[in-house]
């Protein structure tokens, strides 16, 4: 399954691109029925991916690699959060 978008440059996807990506993602969920989905990101598309994965019965693992998250909202559906260091774990725990 391959999602083609109009550019490789970072951008905010429009509604058609979001629908296209989610359609492919849902097809992958149906085809593979994963027990675990590893995700990242604090944007609305990432939240939709986590919601769809959870609705499909998958556990959500959030791979956290930076200090750009200012609130806990992106982690609400996460069953686990992976961080690169004890320092990062401590920072986000606080």
Foldseek 3Di string as FASTA:
>chain_A
DDQDDPDPDDDDDDPVSLVRVVVVLLVCCVVPVDQEDEFEDDDPSRVVSLVSNVVSNHAYEYEDEDDPDDDCVSCPRHPYYHYDDPVVVVVVVD
